[in-house]
């Protein structure tokens, strides 16, 4: 397994790479969910924290999902019109 970054996949000046993260909760909530799930996995305990990662990475509110998709589409539109 190797590591590929944007300079390998599309070297400058031909590309202008950008990253837009959307679809997750704020960073602190995601970090706590991952830490608790990892703790349960490594202690071979009950997977009682698995629902937290689902909460962190897959919010169920339709309004939140629409807002996330709108933010991603707005960012893509801005980049294409740069």
C-alpha atoms as a PDB file:
ATOM      1  CA  UNK A   1       0.000   0.000   0.000  1.00  0.00           C
ATOM      2  CA  UNK A   2       1.446   3.316  -1.041  1.00  0.00           C
ATOM      3  CA  UNK A   3       0.634   6.904  -0.391  1.00  0.00           C
ATOM      4  CA  UNK A   4      -0.672   9.089  -3.195  1.00  0.00           C
ATOM      5  CA  UNK A   5      -1.175  12.801  -2.831  1.00  0.00           C
ATOM      6  CA  UNK A   6      -2.454  15.451  -5.170  1.00  0.00           C
ATOM      7  CA  UNK A   7       1.024  16.191  -6.579  1.00  0.00           C
ATOM      8  CA  UNK A   8       1.349  12.582  -7.763  1.00  0.00           C
ATOM      9  CA  UNK A   9      -2.146  12.287  -9.226  1.00  0.00           C
ATOM     10  CA  UNK A  10      -2.204  15.682 -10.919  1.00  0.00           C
ATOM     11  CA  UNK A  11       0.987  17.715 -10.658  1.00  0.00           C
ATOM     12  CA  UNK A  12       0.889  21.530 -10.594  1.00  0.00           C
ATOM     13  CA  UNK A  13       0.324  23.761 -12.519  1.00  0.00           C
ATOM     14  CA  UNK A  14      -2.206  21.582 -14.369  1.00  0.00           C
ATOM     15  CA  UNK A  15      -4.460  21.050 -11.371  1.00  0.00           C
ATOM     16  CA  UNK A  16      -5.652  23.044  -8.420  1.00  0.00           C
ATOM     17  CA  UNK A  17      -6.551  20.451  -5.777  1.00  0.00           C
ATOM     18  CA  UNK A  18      -9.009  21.203  -3.012  1.00  0.00           C
ATOM     19  CA  UNK A  19     -10.697  19.248  -0.271  1.00  0.00           C
ATOM     20  CA  UNK A  20     -14.198  19.804   1.063  1.00  0.00           C
ATOM     21  CA  UNK A  21     -15.208  17.744   4.060  1.00  0.00           C
ATOM     22  CA  UNK A  22     -18.903  17.452   4.604  1.00  0.00           C
ATOM     23  CA  UNK A  23     -21.215  14.841   5.975  1.00  0.00           C
ATOM     24  CA  UNK A  24     -19.762  14.467   9.458  1.00  0.00           C
ATOM     25  CA  UNK A  25     -20.358  16.039  12.830  1.00  0.00           C
ATOM     26  CA  UNK A  26     -17.941  18.557  14.345  1.00  0.00           C
ATOM     27  CA  UNK A  27     -14.410  17.221  14.888  1.00  0.00           C
ATOM     28  CA  UNK A  28     -14.614  16.805  18.667  1.00  0.00           C
ATOM     29  CA  UNK A  29     -17.727  14.609  18.427  1.00  0.00           C
ATOM     30  CA  UNK A  30     -16.150  12.467  15.706  1.00  0.00           C
ATOM     31  CA  UNK A  31     -12.913  12.093  17.701  1.00  0.00           C
ATOM     32  CA  UNK A  32     -14.767  10.998  20.854  1.00  0.00           C
ATOM     33  CA  UNK A  33     -16.859   8.484  18.896  1.00  0.00           C
ATOM     34  CA  UNK A  34     -13.744   6.980  17.286  1.00  0.00           C
ATOM     35  CA  UNK A  35     -11.837   6.823  20.576  1.00  0.00           C
ATOM     36  CA  UNK A  36     -14.696   5.037  22.361  1.00  0.00           C
ATOM     37  CA  UNK A  37     -15.254   2.590  19.519  1.00  0.00           C
ATOM     38  CA  UNK A  38     -11.520   1.839  19.347  1.00  0.00           C
ATOM     39  CA  UNK A  39     -11.388   1.332  23.118  1.00  0.00           C
ATOM     40  CA  UNK A  40     -14.254  -1.178  22.985  1.00  0.00           C
ATOM     41  CA  UNK A  41     -12.690  -3.004  20.024  1.00  0.00           C
ATOM     42  CA  UNK A  42      -9.253  -3.288  21.638  1.00  0.00           C
ATOM     43  CA  UNK A  43     -10.636  -4.456  24.973  1.00  0.00           C
ATOM     44  CA  UNK A  44     -12.737  -7.088  23.173  1.00  0.00           C
ATOM     45  CA  UNK A  45     -15.729  -5.791  24.996  1.00  0.00           C
ATOM     46  CA  UNK A  46     -19.268  -5.365  23.861  1.00  0.00           C
ATOM     47  CA  UNK A  47     -19.620  -3.102  20.831  1.00  0.00           C
ATOM     48  CA  UNK A  48     -21.633  -0.666  22.913  1.00  0.00           C
ATOM     49  CA  UNK A  49     -20.140   2.401  21.280  1.00  0.00           C
ATOM     50  CA  UNK A  50     -20.738   1.448  17.648  1.00  0.00           C
ATOM     51  CA  UNK A  51     -23.802   3.649  17.452  1.00  0.00           C
ATOM     52  CA  UNK A  52     -21.612   6.688  18.159  1.00  0.00           C
ATOM     53  CA  UNK A  53     -19.660   6.278  14.943  1.00  0.00           C
ATOM     54  CA  UNK A  54     -22.926   5.920  13.070  1.00  0.00           C
ATOM     55  CA  UNK A  55     -24.082   9.126  14.775  1.00  0.00           C
ATOM     56  CA  UNK A  56     -20.816  10.870  13.862  1.00  0.00           C
ATOM     57  CA  UNK A  57     -20.579   9.860  10.203  1.00  0.00           C
ATOM     58  CA  UNK A  58     -24.192   9.315   9.152  1.00  0.00           C
ATOM     59  CA  UNK A  59     -26.546  11.947  10.599  1.00  0.00           C
ATOM     60  CA  UNK A  60     -30.169  11.020  10.015  1.00  0.00           C
ATOM     61  CA  UNK A  61     -31.838  14.446   9.865  1.00  0.00           C
ATOM     62  CA  UNK A  62     -32.886  15.160   6.290  1.00  0.00           C
ATOM     63  CA  UNK A  63     -32.383  18.903   6.788  1.00  0.00           C
ATOM     64  CA  UNK A  64     -28.767  18.296   7.873  1.00  0.00           C
ATOM     65  CA  UNK A  65     -28.125  16.072   4.867  1.00  0.00           C
ATOM     66  CA  UNK A  66     -29.582  18.670   2.499  1.00  0.00           C
ATOM     67  CA  UNK A  67     -27.464  21.404   4.072  1.00  0.00           C
ATOM     68  CA  UNK A  68     -24.314  19.254   3.720  1.00  0.00           C
ATOM     69  CA  UNK A  69     -25.020  18.464   0.067  1.00  0.00           C
ATOM     70  CA  UNK A  70     -25.801  22.120  -0.649  1.00  0.00           C
ATOM     71  CA  UNK A  71     -22.477  23.151   0.911  1.00  0.00           C
ATOM     72  CA  UNK A  72     -20.597  20.649  -1.235  1.00  0.00           C
ATOM     73  CA  UNK A  73     -22.391  21.733  -4.398  1.00  0.00           C
ATOM     74  CA  UNK A  74     -21.751  25.419  -3.623  1.00  0.00           C
ATOM     75  CA  UNK A  75     -18.040  24.710  -3.095  1.00  0.00           C
ATOM     76  CA  UNK A  76     -17.806  22.742  -6.343  1.00  0.00           C
ATOM     77  CA  UNK A  77     -19.609  25.513  -8.230  1.00  0.00           C
ATOM     78  CA  UNK A  78     -17.226  28.132  -6.785  1.00  0.00           C
ATOM     79  CA  UNK A  79     -14.184  26.055  -7.771  1.00  0.00           C
ATOM     80  CA  UNK A  80     -15.445  25.470 -11.311  1.00  0.00           C
ATOM     81  CA  UNK A  81     -16.018  29.200 -11.756  1.00  0.00           C
ATOM     82  CA  UNK A  82     -12.638  30.184 -10.283  1.00  0.00           C
END
